[in-house]
PDB file of N, CA and C in Angstrom:
ATOM      1  N   MET A   1     -69.397 -15.098 -58.106  1.00  0.00           N
ATOM      2  CA  MET A   1     -67.864 -15.248 -57.929  1.00  0.00           C
ATOM      3  C   MET A   1     -67.598 -16.520 -56.900  1.00  0.00           C
ATOM      4  N   ILE A   2     -66.878 -17.317 -57.197  1.00  0.00           N
ATOM      5  CA  ILE A   2     -66.476 -18.311 -56.083  1.00  0.00           C
ATOM      6  C   ILE A   2     -65.604 -17.879 -55.223  1.00  0.00           C
ATOM      7  N   GLU A   3     -65.798 -17.968 -53.946  1.00  0.00           N
ATOM      8  CA  GLU A   3     -64.934 -17.461 -52.839  1.00  0.00           C
ATOM      9  C   GLU A   3     -64.707 -18.676 -51.975  1.00  0.00           C
ATOM     10  N   LEU A   4     -63.469 -19.046 -51.725  1.00  0.00           N
ATOM     11  CA  LEU A   4     -63.024 -20.164 -51.056  1.00  0.00           C
ATOM     12  C   LEU A   4     -62.266 -19.521 -49.880  1.00  0.00           C
ATOM     13  N   ASP A   5     -62.745 -19.667 -48.654  1.00  0.00           N
ATOM     14  CA  ASP A   5     -62.087 -19.159 -47.390  1.00  0.00           C
ATOM     15  C   ASP A   5     -61.262 -20.379 -46.580  1.00  0.00           C
ATOM     16  N   GLU A   6     -61.481 -21.528 -47.251  1.00  0.00           N
ATOM     17  CA  GLU A   6     -60.796 -22.784 -46.507  1.00  0.00           C
ATOM     18  C   GLU A   6     -59.316 -22.768 -46.915  1.00  0.00           C
ATOM     19  N   GLU A   7     -58.697 -23.311 -45.908  1.00  0.00           N
ATOM     20  CA  GLU A   7     -57.229 -23.660 -46.127  1.00  0.00           C
ATOM     21  C   GLU A   7     -57.054 -25.141 -46.463  1.00  0.00           C
ATOM     22  N   MET A   8     -56.197 -25.591 -47.127  1.00  0.00           N
ATOM     23  CA  MET A   8     -56.003 -26.961 -47.298  1.00  0.00           C
ATOM     24  C   MET A   8     -54.533 -27.280 -46.670  1.00  0.00           C
ATOM     25  N   PHE A   9     -54.669 -28.237 -45.597  1.00  0.00           N
ATOM     26  CA  PHE A   9     -53.584 -28.644 -45.012  1.00  0.00           C
ATOM     27  C   PHE A   9     -53.322 -30.138 -45.392  1.00  0.00           C
ATOM     28  N   ILE A  10     -52.112 -30.474 -46.022  1.00  0.00           N
ATOM     29  CA  ILE A  10     -51.676 -31.795 -46.241  1.00  0.00           C
ATOM     30  C   ILE A  10     -50.190 -31.685 -45.743  1.00  0.00           C
ATOM     31  N   ASP A  11     -50.131 -32.181 -44.592  1.00  0.00           N
ATOM     32  CA  ASP A  11     -48.957 -32.189 -43.985  1.00  0.00           C
ATOM     33  C   ASP A  11     -48.379 -33.541 -43.339  1.00  0.00           C
ATOM     34  N   ARG A  12     -47.242 -33.675 -43.090  1.00  0.00           N
ATOM     35  CA  ARG A  12     -46.523 -34.864 -42.562  1.00  0.00           C
ATOM     36  C   ARG A  12     -47.020 -36.095 -43.048  1.00  0.00           C
ATOM     37  N   ASN A  13     -47.137 -36.192 -44.363  1.00  0.00           N
ATOM     38  CA  ASN A  13     -47.811 -37.304 -45.120  1.00  0.00           C
ATOM     39  C   ASN A  13     -46.739 -37.806 -46.017  1.00  0.00           C
ATOM     40  N   ASP A  14     -46.204 -39.007 -46.018  1.00  0.00           N
ATOM     41  CA  ASP A  14     -45.335 -39.481 -46.870  1.00  0.00           C
ATOM     42  C   ASP A  14     -46.121 -40.192 -48.031  1.00  0.00           C
ATOM     43  N   ARG A  15     -47.425 -40.352 -47.913  1.00  0.00           N
ATOM     44  CA  ARG A  15     -48.110 -40.925 -48.987  1.00  0.00           C
ATOM     45  C   ARG A  15     -48.621 -40.030 -50.101  1.00  0.00           C
ATOM     46  N   ILE A  16     -48.634 -38.730 -49.900  1.00  0.00           N
ATOM     47  CA  ILE A  16     -48.804 -37.807 -50.912  1.00  0.00           C
ATOM     48  C   ILE A  16     -47.883 -37.663 -51.828  1.00  0.00           C
ATOM     49  N   THR A  17     -48.180 -37.951 -53.232  1.00  0.00           N
ATOM     50  CA  THR A  17     -47.062 -38.018 -54.186  1.00  0.00           C
ATOM     51  C   THR A  17     -47.334 -36.875 -55.377  1.00  0.00           C
ATOM     52  N   ASP A  18     -46.500 -36.908 -56.217  1.00  0.00           N
ATOM     53  CA  ASP A  18     -46.887 -35.861 -57.247  1.00  0.00           C
ATOM     54  C   ASP A  18     -47.944 -36.005 -57.977  1.00  0.00           C
ATOM     55  N   LYS A  19     -48.454 -37.425 -58.153  1.00  0.00           N
ATOM     56  CA  LYS A  19     -49.585 -37.869 -58.867  1.00  0.00           C
ATOM     57  C   LYS A  19     -50.845 -37.235 -58.377  1.00  0.00           C
ATOM     58  N   GLY A  20     -50.981 -37.305 -56.926  1.00  0.00           N
ATOM     59  CA  GLY A  20     -52.095 -36.742 -56.233  1.00  0.00           C
ATOM     60  C   GLY A  20     -52.125 -35.305 -56.338  1.00  0.00           C
ATOM     61  N   ILE A  21     -51.083 -34.421 -56.165  1.00  0.00           N
ATOM     62  CA  ILE A  21     -51.155 -33.170 -56.210  1.00  0.00           C
ATOM     63  C   ILE A  21     -51.530 -32.585 -57.480  1.00  0.00           C
ATOM     64  N   ASN A  22     -50.759 -33.382 -58.552  1.00  0.00           N
ATOM     65  CA  ASN A  22     -51.018 -33.082 -59.916  1.00  0.00           C
ATOM     66  C   ASN A  22     -52.571 -32.992 -60.359  1.00  0.00           C
ATOM     67  N   ALA A  23     -53.322 -34.111 -59.813  1.00  0.00           N
ATOM     68  CA  ALA A  23     -54.728 -34.138 -59.912  1.00  0.00           C
ATOM     69  C   ALA A  23     -55.392 -33.031 -59.146  1.00  0.00           C
ATOM     70  N   LEU A  24     -54.862 -32.547 -58.206  1.00  0.00           N
ATOM     71  CA  LEU A  24     -55.526 -31.368 -57.540  1.00  0.00           C
ATOM     72  C   LEU A  24     -55.152 -30.184 -58.366  1.00  0.00           C
ATOM     73  N   ASN A  25     -53.943 -29.977 -58.909  1.00  0.00           N
ATOM     74  CA  ASN A  25     -53.669 -28.991 -59.821  1.00  0.00           C
ATOM     75  C   ASN A  25     -54.646 -28.842 -60.952  1.00  0.00           C
ATOM     76  N   LYS A  26     -55.004 -29.833 -61.555  1.00  0.00           N
ATOM     77  CA  LYS A  26     -56.006 -29.924 -62.604  1.00  0.00           C
ATOM     78  C   LYS A  26     -57.279 -29.472 -62.311  1.00  0.00           C
ATOM     79  N   THR A  27     -57.737 -29.538 -61.051  1.00  0.00           N
ATOM     80  CA  THR A  27     -59.063 -29.072 -60.548  1.00  0.00           C
ATOM     81  C   THR A  27     -58.893 -27.620 -60.361  1.00  0.00           C
ATOM     82  N   LEU A  28     -57.668 -27.154 -59.968  1.00  0.00           N
ATOM     83  CA  LEU A  28     -57.293 -25.570 -59.877  1.00  0.00           C
ATOM     84  C   LEU A  28     -57.826 -24.942 -61.044  1.00  0.00           C
ATOM     85  N   VAL A  29     -57.587 -25.240 -62.161  1.00  0.00           N
ATOM     86  CA  VAL A  29     -57.814 -24.484 -63.315  1.00  0.00           C
ATOM     87  C   VAL A  29     -59.282 -24.275 -63.593  1.00  0.00           C
ATOM     88  N   LYS A  30     -60.091 -25.024 -62.854  1.00  0.00           N
ATOM     89  CA  LYS A  30     -61.516 -24.875 -63.027  1.00  0.00           C
ATOM     90  C   LYS A  30     -62.080 -23.837 -62.178  1.00  0.00           C
ATOM     91  N   LEU A  31     -61.411 -23.320 -61.293  1.00  0.00           N
ATOM     92  CA  LEU A  31     -61.613 -22.203 -60.455  1.00  0.00           C
ATOM     93  C   LEU A  31     -61.163 -20.899 -60.870  1.00  0.00           C
ATOM     94  N   ILE A  32     -61.809 -20.411 -62.082  1.00  0.00           N
ATOM     95  CA  ILE A  32     -61.271 -19.275 -62.801  1.00  0.00           C
ATOM     96  C   ILE A  32     -61.475 -18.056 -61.888  1.00  0.00           C
ATOM     97  N   CYS A  33     -62.198 -17.925 -60.920  1.00  0.00           N
ATOM     98  CA  CYS A  33     -62.650 -16.739 -60.111  1.00  0.00           C
ATOM     99  C   CYS A  33     -61.910 -16.889 -58.741  1.00  0.00           C
ATOM    100  N   LEU A  34     -61.174 -17.894 -58.506  1.00  0.00           N
ATOM    101  CA  LEU A  34     -60.405 -18.081 -57.470  1.00  0.00           C
ATOM    102  C   LEU A  34     -59.458 -16.845 -57.148  1.00  0.00           C
ATOM    103  N   GLU A  35     -59.553 -16.249 -55.855  1.00  0.00           N
ATOM    104  CA  GLU A  35     -58.686 -14.971 -55.547  1.00  0.00           C
ATOM    105  C   GLU A  35     -57.629 -15.361 -54.590  1.00  0.00           C
ATOM    106  N   ASP A  36     -57.909 -16.257 -53.778  1.00  0.00           N
ATOM    107  CA  ASP A  36     -56.971 -16.811 -52.512  1.00  0.00           C
ATOM    108  C   ASP A  36     -56.670 -18.177 -52.685  1.00  0.00           C
ATOM    109  N   LEU A  37     -55.336 -18.483 -52.573  1.00  0.00           N
ATOM    110  CA  LEU A  37     -55.079 -19.864 -52.489  1.00  0.00           C
ATOM    111  C   LEU A  37     -53.936 -19.990 -51.409  1.00  0.00           C
ATOM    112  N   ASN A  38     -54.333 -21.058 -50.629  1.00  0.00           N
ATOM    113  CA  ASN A  38     -53.443 -21.213 -49.288  1.00  0.00           C
ATOM    114  C   ASN A  38     -53.332 -22.767 -49.323  1.00  0.00           C
ATOM    115  N   PHE A  39     -52.217 -23.333 -49.679  1.00  0.00           N
ATOM    116  CA  PHE A  39     -51.847 -24.711 -49.458  1.00  0.00           C
ATOM    117  C   PHE A  39     -50.735 -24.969 -48.623  1.00  0.00           C
ATOM    118  N   GLN A  40     -50.919 -25.808 -47.671  1.00  0.00           N
ATOM    119  CA  GLN A  40     -49.856 -26.224 -46.648  1.00  0.00           C
ATOM    120  C   GLN A  40     -49.432 -27.750 -46.920  1.00  0.00           C
ATOM    121  N   PHE A  41     -48.202 -27.908 -47.528  1.00  0.00           N
ATOM    122  CA  PHE A  41     -47.818 -29.170 -47.883  1.00  0.00           C
ATOM    123  C   PHE A  41     -46.547 -29.418 -47.048  1.00  0.00           C
ATOM    124  N   TYR A  42     -46.426 -29.041 -45.577  1.00  0.00           N
ATOM    125  CA  TYR A  42     -45.484 -29.263 -44.908  1.00  0.00           C
ATOM    126  C   TYR A  42     -45.189 -30.661 -44.684  1.00  0.00           C
ATOM    127  N   LYS A  43     -43.762 -30.953 -45.003  1.00  0.00           N
ATOM    128  CA  LYS A  43     -43.202 -32.340 -44.600  1.00  0.00           C
ATOM    129  C   LYS A  43     -43.761 -33.429 -45.503  1.00  0.00           C
ATOM    130  N   CYS A  44     -44.207 -33.047 -46.804  1.00  0.00           N
ATOM    131  CA  CYS A  44     -44.757 -34.114 -47.542  1.00  0.00           C
ATOM    132  C   CYS A  44     -43.578 -34.538 -48.446  1.00  0.00           C
ATOM    133  N   LEU A  45     -42.835 -35.597 -47.871  1.00  0.00           N
ATOM    134  CA  LEU A  45     -41.568 -36.011 -48.431  1.00  0.00           C
ATOM    135  C   LEU A  45     -41.539 -36.544 -49.869  1.00  0.00           C
ATOM    136  N   GLU A  46     -42.608 -36.797 -50.637  1.00  0.00           N
ATOM    137  CA  GLU A  46     -42.573 -37.389 -51.885  1.00  0.00           C
ATOM    138  C   GLU A  46     -42.839 -36.445 -53.019  1.00  0.00           C
ATOM    139  N   ILE A  47     -43.116 -35.036 -52.618  1.00  0.00           N
ATOM    140  CA  ILE A  47     -43.524 -34.066 -53.482  1.00  0.00           C
ATOM    141  C   ILE A  47     -42.280 -33.676 -54.111  1.00  0.00           C
ATOM    142  N   THR A  48     -42.111 -33.489 -55.572  1.00  0.00           N
ATOM    143  CA  THR A  48     -40.927 -32.999 -56.276  1.00  0.00           C
ATOM    144  C   THR A  48     -41.314 -31.773 -57.074  1.00  0.00           C
ATOM    145  N   ASP A  49     -40.154 -31.324 -57.765  1.00  0.00           N
ATOM    146  CA  ASP A  49     -40.228 -30.133 -58.573  1.00  0.00           C
ATOM    147  C   ASP A  49     -41.386 -30.353 -59.714  1.00  0.00           C
ATOM    148  N   GLU A  50     -41.891 -31.497 -60.103  1.00  0.00           N
ATOM    149  CA  GLU A  50     -43.009 -31.629 -60.960  1.00  0.00           C
ATOM    150  C   GLU A  50     -44.231 -31.148 -60.442  1.00  0.00           C
ATOM    151  N   VAL A  51     -44.405 -31.132 -59.073  1.00  0.00           N
ATOM    152  CA  VAL A  51     -45.554 -30.587 -58.475  1.00  0.00           C
ATOM    153  C   VAL A  51     -45.696 -29.017 -58.821  1.00  0.00           C
ATOM    154  N   LEU A  52     -44.467 -28.330 -58.518  1.00  0.00           N
ATOM    155  CA  LEU A  52     -44.360 -26.891 -58.803  1.00  0.00           C
ATOM    156  C   LEU A  52     -44.525 -26.687 -60.214  1.00  0.00           C
ATOM    157  N   LYS A  53     -44.118 -27.435 -61.235  1.00  0.00           N
ATOM    158  CA  LYS A  53     -44.196 -27.244 -62.616  1.00  0.00           C
ATOM    159  C   LYS A  53     -45.821 -27.361 -62.836  1.00  0.00           C
ATOM    160  N   SER A  54     -46.363 -28.385 -62.419  1.00  0.00           N
ATOM    161  CA  SER A  54     -47.859 -28.536 -62.787  1.00  0.00           C
ATOM    162  C   SER A  54     -48.490 -27.498 -62.045  1.00  0.00           C
ATOM    163  N   MET A  55     -48.387 -26.943 -60.879  1.00  0.00           N
ATOM    164  CA  MET A  55     -48.994 -25.934 -60.042  1.00  0.00           C
ATOM    165  C   MET A  55     -48.922 -24.649 -60.872  1.00  0.00           C
ATOM    166  N   SER A  56     -47.657 -24.337 -61.380  1.00  0.00           N
ATOM    167  CA  SER A  56     -47.439 -23.064 -62.149  1.00  0.00           C
ATOM    168  C   SER A  56     -48.162 -23.057 -63.364  1.00  0.00           C
ATOM    169  N   GLU A  57     -48.385 -24.153 -64.002  1.00  0.00           N
ATOM    170  CA  GLU A  57     -49.181 -24.405 -65.340  1.00  0.00           C
ATOM    171  C   GLU A  57     -50.647 -23.964 -64.772  1.00  0.00           C
ATOM    172  N   ALA A  58     -51.112 -24.483 -63.761  1.00  0.00           N
ATOM    173  CA  ALA A  58     -52.481 -24.346 -63.359  1.00  0.00           C
ATOM    174  C   ALA A  58     -52.711 -22.841 -62.998  1.00  0.00           C
ATOM    175  N   LEU A  59     -51.844 -22.204 -62.286  1.00  0.00           N
ATOM    176  CA  LEU A  59     -51.961 -20.869 -61.733  1.00  0.00           C
ATOM    177  C   LEU A  59     -52.009 -19.970 -62.839  1.00  0.00           C
ATOM    178  N   ARG A  60     -51.273 -20.179 -64.000  1.00  0.00           N
ATOM    179  CA  ARG A  60     -51.257 -19.317 -65.062  1.00  0.00           C
ATOM    180  C   ARG A  60     -52.705 -19.019 -65.713  1.00  0.00           C
ATOM    181  N   LYS A  61     -53.574 -20.134 -65.493  1.00  0.00           N
ATOM    182  CA  LYS A  61     -54.961 -20.011 -66.052  1.00  0.00           C
ATOM    183  C   LYS A  61     -55.999 -19.509 -65.223  1.00  0.00           C
ATOM    184  N   ILE A  62     -55.434 -18.776 -64.009  1.00  0.00           N
ATOM    185  CA  ILE A  62     -56.350 -18.329 -63.089  1.00  0.00           C
ATOM    186  C   ILE A  62     -56.067 -16.883 -62.980  1.00  0.00           C
ATOM    187  N   PRO A  63     -56.566 -16.034 -63.756  1.00  0.00           N
ATOM    188  CA  PRO A  63     -56.312 -14.563 -63.948  1.00  0.00           C
ATOM    189  C   PRO A  63     -56.758 -13.856 -62.649  1.00  0.00           C
ATOM    190  N   SER A  64     -57.641 -14.295 -61.961  1.00  0.00           N
ATOM    191  CA  SER A  64     -58.080 -13.504 -60.827  1.00  0.00           C
ATOM    192  C   SER A  64     -57.420 -13.650 -59.567  1.00  0.00           C
ATOM    193  N   ILE A  65     -56.359 -14.426 -59.487  1.00  0.00           N
ATOM    194  CA  ILE A  65     -55.671 -14.816 -58.225  1.00  0.00           C
ATOM    195  C   ILE A  65     -54.816 -13.689 -57.615  1.00  0.00           C
ATOM    196  N   ARG A  66     -55.266 -13.404 -56.307  1.00  0.00           N
ATOM    197  CA  ARG A  66     -54.748 -12.047 -55.746  1.00  0.00           C
ATOM    198  C   ARG A  66     -53.560 -12.448 -54.633  1.00  0.00           C
ATOM    199  N   ASN A  67     -53.976 -13.589 -53.927  1.00  0.00           N
ATOM    200  CA  ASN A  67     -53.240 -14.019 -52.682  1.00  0.00           C
ATOM    201  C   ASN A  67     -52.671 -15.342 -52.853  1.00  0.00           C
ATOM    202  N   ILE A  68     -51.530 -15.533 -52.599  1.00  0.00           N
ATOM    203  CA  ILE A  68     -50.963 -17.044 -52.748  1.00  0.00           C
ATOM    204  C   ILE A  68     -49.950 -17.280 -51.394  1.00  0.00           C
ATOM    205  N   ASN A  69     -50.467 -18.220 -50.819  1.00  0.00           N
ATOM    206  CA  ASN A  69     -49.589 -18.842 -49.462  1.00  0.00           C
ATOM    207  C   ASN A  69     -49.323 -20.168 -49.773  1.00  0.00           C
ATOM    208  N   LEU A  70     -48.117 -20.481 -50.070  1.00  0.00           N
ATOM    209  CA  LEU A  70     -47.747 -21.930 -50.241  1.00  0.00           C
ATOM    210  C   LEU A  70     -46.648 -22.264 -49.204  1.00  0.00           C
ATOM    211  N   ASN A  71     -46.862 -23.295 -48.595  1.00  0.00           N
ATOM    212  CA  ASN A  71     -45.878 -23.876 -47.561  1.00  0.00           C
ATOM    213  C   ASN A  71     -45.263 -25.259 -48.097  1.00  0.00           C
ATOM    214  N   PHE A  72     -44.092 -25.238 -48.474  1.00  0.00           N
ATOM    215  CA  PHE A  72     -43.635 -26.561 -48.840  1.00  0.00           C
ATOM    216  C   PHE A  72     -42.358 -26.793 -47.904  1.00  0.00           C
ATOM    217  N   SER A  73     -42.420 -26.565 -46.628  1.00  0.00           N
ATOM    218  CA  SER A  73     -41.333 -26.711 -45.595  1.00  0.00           C
ATOM    219  C   SER A  73     -40.976 -28.073 -45.439  1.00  0.00           C
ATOM    220  N   LEU A  74     -39.886 -28.564 -45.593  1.00  0.00           N
ATOM    221  CA  LEU A  74     -39.324 -29.986 -45.233  1.00  0.00           C
ATOM    222  C   LEU A  74     -39.837 -30.778 -46.420  1.00  0.00           C
ATOM    223  N   CYS A  75     -40.218 -30.337 -47.682  1.00  0.00           N
ATOM    224  CA  CYS A  75     -40.388 -31.172 -48.683  1.00  0.00           C
ATOM    225  C   CYS A  75     -38.891 -31.295 -49.422  1.00  0.00           C
ATOM    226  N   SER A  76     -38.154 -32.114 -49.043  1.00  0.00           N
ATOM    227  CA  SER A  76     -36.783 -32.213 -49.437  1.00  0.00           C
ATOM    228  C   SER A  76     -36.586 -32.581 -50.907  1.00  0.00           C
ATOM    229  N   LYS A  77     -37.500 -32.917 -51.754  1.00  0.00           N
ATOM    230  CA  LYS A  77     -37.291 -33.287 -52.946  1.00  0.00           C
ATOM    231  C   LYS A  77     -37.565 -32.162 -54.033  1.00  0.00           C
ATOM    232  N   ILE A  78     -37.772 -30.867 -53.328  1.00  0.00           N
ATOM    233  CA  ILE A  78     -38.063 -29.723 -54.372  1.00  0.00           C
ATOM    234  C   ILE A  78     -36.685 -29.057 -54.309  1.00  0.00           C
ATOM    235  N   SER A  79     -36.252 -28.633 -55.525  1.00  0.00           N
ATOM    236  CA  SER A  79     -35.174 -27.981 -55.679  1.00  0.00           C
ATOM    237  C   SER A  79     -35.182 -26.533 -56.325  1.00  0.00           C
ATOM    238  N   ASP A  80     -34.117 -26.135 -56.766  1.00  0.00           N
ATOM    239  CA  ASP A  80     -34.225 -24.698 -57.402  1.00  0.00           C
ATOM    240  C   ASP A  80     -34.940 -24.816 -58.817  1.00  0.00           C
ATOM    241  N   ILE A  81     -35.128 -25.872 -59.309  1.00  0.00           N
ATOM    242  CA  ILE A  81     -35.666 -26.252 -60.573  1.00  0.00           C
ATOM    243  C   ILE A  81     -37.124 -25.849 -60.346  1.00  0.00           C
ATOM    244  N   GLY A  82     -37.736 -26.355 -59.332  1.00  0.00           N
ATOM    245  CA  GLY A  82     -39.372 -26.324 -59.091  1.00  0.00           C
ATOM    246  C   GLY A  82     -39.510 -24.678 -58.667  1.00  0.00           C
ATOM    247  N   LEU A  83     -38.553 -24.053 -57.877  1.00  0.00           N
ATOM    248  CA  LEU A  83     -38.670 -22.863 -57.573  1.00  0.00           C
ATOM    249  C   LEU A  83     -38.632 -21.860 -58.891  1.00  0.00           C
ATOM    250  N   PHE A  84     -37.692 -22.097 -59.898  1.00  0.00           N
ATOM    251  CA  PHE A  84     -37.696 -21.585 -61.110  1.00  0.00           C
ATOM    252  C   PHE A  84     -39.108 -21.582 -61.826  1.00  0.00           C
ATOM    253  N   TYR A  85     -39.860 -22.742 -61.902  1.00  0.00           N
ATOM    254  CA  TYR A  85     -40.938 -22.914 -62.494  1.00  0.00           C
ATOM    255  C   TYR A  85     -42.011 -21.874 -61.876  1.00  0.00           C
ATOM    256  N   LEU A  86     -42.071 -22.020 -60.575  1.00  0.00           N
ATOM    257  CA  LEU A  86     -43.028 -21.192 -59.706  1.00  0.00           C
ATOM    258  C   LEU A  86     -42.638 -19.595 -60.040  1.00  0.00           C
ATOM    259  N   SER A  87     -41.521 -19.270 -60.056  1.00  0.00           N
ATOM    260  CA  SER A  87     -41.132 -17.717 -60.162  1.00  0.00           C
ATOM    261  C   SER A  87     -41.448 -17.389 -61.518  1.00  0.00           C
ATOM    262  N   GLU A  88     -41.255 -18.183 -62.530  1.00  0.00           N
ATOM    263  CA  GLU A  88     -41.749 -17.562 -63.892  1.00  0.00           C
ATOM    264  C   GLU A  88     -43.253 -17.504 -63.899  1.00  0.00           C
ATOM    265  N   CYS A  89     -44.071 -18.229 -63.275  1.00  0.00           N
ATOM    266  CA  CYS A  89     -45.501 -18.116 -63.459  1.00  0.00           C
ATOM    267  C   CYS A  89     -45.797 -16.924 -62.488  1.00  0.00           C
ATOM    268  N   LEU A  90     -45.361 -16.697 -61.429  1.00  0.00           N
ATOM    269  CA  LEU A  90     -45.706 -15.596 -60.530  1.00  0.00           C
ATOM    270  C   LEU A  90     -45.517 -14.294 -61.198  1.00  0.00           C
ATOM    271  N   LYS A  91     -44.510 -14.142 -61.979  1.00  0.00           N
ATOM    272  CA  LYS A  91     -44.207 -13.025 -62.649  1.00  0.00           C
ATOM    273  C   LYS A  91     -45.363 -12.594 -63.658  1.00  0.00           C
ATOM    274  N   LYS A  92     -46.212 -13.441 -64.070  1.00  0.00           N
ATOM    275  CA  LYS A  92     -47.097 -13.325 -65.152  1.00  0.00           C
ATOM    276  C   LYS A  92     -48.718 -13.096 -64.582  1.00  0.00           C
ATOM    277  N   LEU A  93     -48.763 -13.318 -63.229  1.00  0.00           N
ATOM    278  CA  LEU A  93     -49.968 -13.190 -62.598  1.00  0.00           C
ATOM    279  C   LEU A  93     -50.233 -11.728 -62.176  1.00  0.00           C
ATOM    280  N   THR A  94     -50.855 -10.805 -63.133  1.00  0.00           N
ATOM    281  CA  THR A  94     -51.112  -9.478 -62.935  1.00  0.00           C
ATOM    282  C   THR A  94     -51.848  -9.034 -61.815  1.00  0.00           C
ATOM    283  N   CYS A  95     -52.722  -9.788 -61.383  1.00  0.00           N
ATOM    284  CA  CYS A  95     -53.608  -9.384 -60.226  1.00  0.00           C
ATOM    285  C   CYS A  95     -52.985  -9.711 -58.947  1.00  0.00           C
ATOM    286  N   LEU A  96     -52.014 -10.432 -58.938  1.00  0.00           N
ATOM    287  CA  LEU A  96     -51.456 -10.838 -57.636  1.00  0.00           C
ATOM    288  C   LEU A  96     -50.836  -9.774 -56.871  1.00  0.00           C
ATOM    289  N   THR A  97     -51.420  -9.680 -55.520  1.00  0.00           N
ATOM    290  CA  THR A  97     -51.043  -8.625 -54.653  1.00  0.00           C
ATOM    291  C   THR A  97     -50.184  -8.996 -53.423  1.00  0.00           C
ATOM    292  N   SER A  98     -50.348 -10.244 -53.044  1.00  0.00           N
ATOM    293  CA  SER A  98     -49.608 -10.938 -51.822  1.00  0.00           C
ATOM    294  C   SER A  98     -49.151 -12.401 -52.183  1.00  0.00           C
ATOM    295  N   ILE A  99     -47.866 -12.588 -51.764  1.00  0.00           N
ATOM    296  CA  ILE A  99     -47.208 -13.890 -51.792  1.00  0.00           C
ATOM    297  C   ILE A  99     -46.592 -14.332 -50.798  1.00  0.00           C
ATOM    298  N   THR A 100     -46.962 -15.533 -50.040  1.00  0.00           N
ATOM    299  CA  THR A 100     -46.215 -15.907 -48.947  1.00  0.00           C
ATOM    300  C   THR A 100     -45.648 -17.301 -49.442  1.00  0.00           C
ATOM    301  N   LEU A 101     -44.333 -17.548 -49.598  1.00  0.00           N
ATOM    302  CA  LEU A 101     -43.879 -18.837 -49.968  1.00  0.00           C
ATOM    303  C   LEU A 101     -42.920 -19.325 -48.712  1.00  0.00           C
ATOM    304  N   ASN A 102     -43.047 -20.616 -48.450  1.00  0.00           N
ATOM    305  CA  ASN A 102     -42.212 -21.229 -47.296  1.00  0.00           C
ATOM    306  C   ASN A 102     -41.665 -22.416 -47.779  1.00  0.00           C
ATOM    307  N   PHE A 103     -40.298 -22.495 -48.066  1.00  0.00           N
ATOM    308  CA  PHE A 103     -39.626 -23.621 -48.473  1.00  0.00           C
ATOM    309  C   PHE A 103     -38.314 -24.070 -47.491  1.00  0.00           C
ATOM    310  N   PHE A 104     -38.666 -23.716 -46.272  1.00  0.00           N
ATOM    311  CA  PHE A 104     -37.713 -23.952 -45.315  1.00  0.00           C
ATOM    312  C   PHE A 104     -37.253 -25.498 -45.033  1.00  0.00           C
ATOM    313  N   GLY A 105     -35.965 -25.759 -45.054  1.00  0.00           N
ATOM    314  CA  GLY A 105     -35.582 -27.035 -44.898  1.00  0.00           C
ATOM    315  C   GLY A 105     -35.497 -27.752 -45.975  1.00  0.00           C
TER     316      GLY A 105
END
């Protein structure tokens, strides 16, 4: 089983775009044994709802995921639409035991 204890911090970076995060999301689906996901996208100003849509599609394919911690604080281009994509996905993750989401600001 793959166990990842690392956190990914991509913060305060206006060069991070949907295209880059969507490429990361494509890699996520290959981690079918992933149990913990911790992404910190604090103040990534170019990230939009499309990232949450792509991430939701990737997470649906990881049945083992138990803990999710996502920080999109001050990512001003994320709206209720992106939150809807994510919430629909989270409802279907049957092994999920812990969720921490931060969309402050």
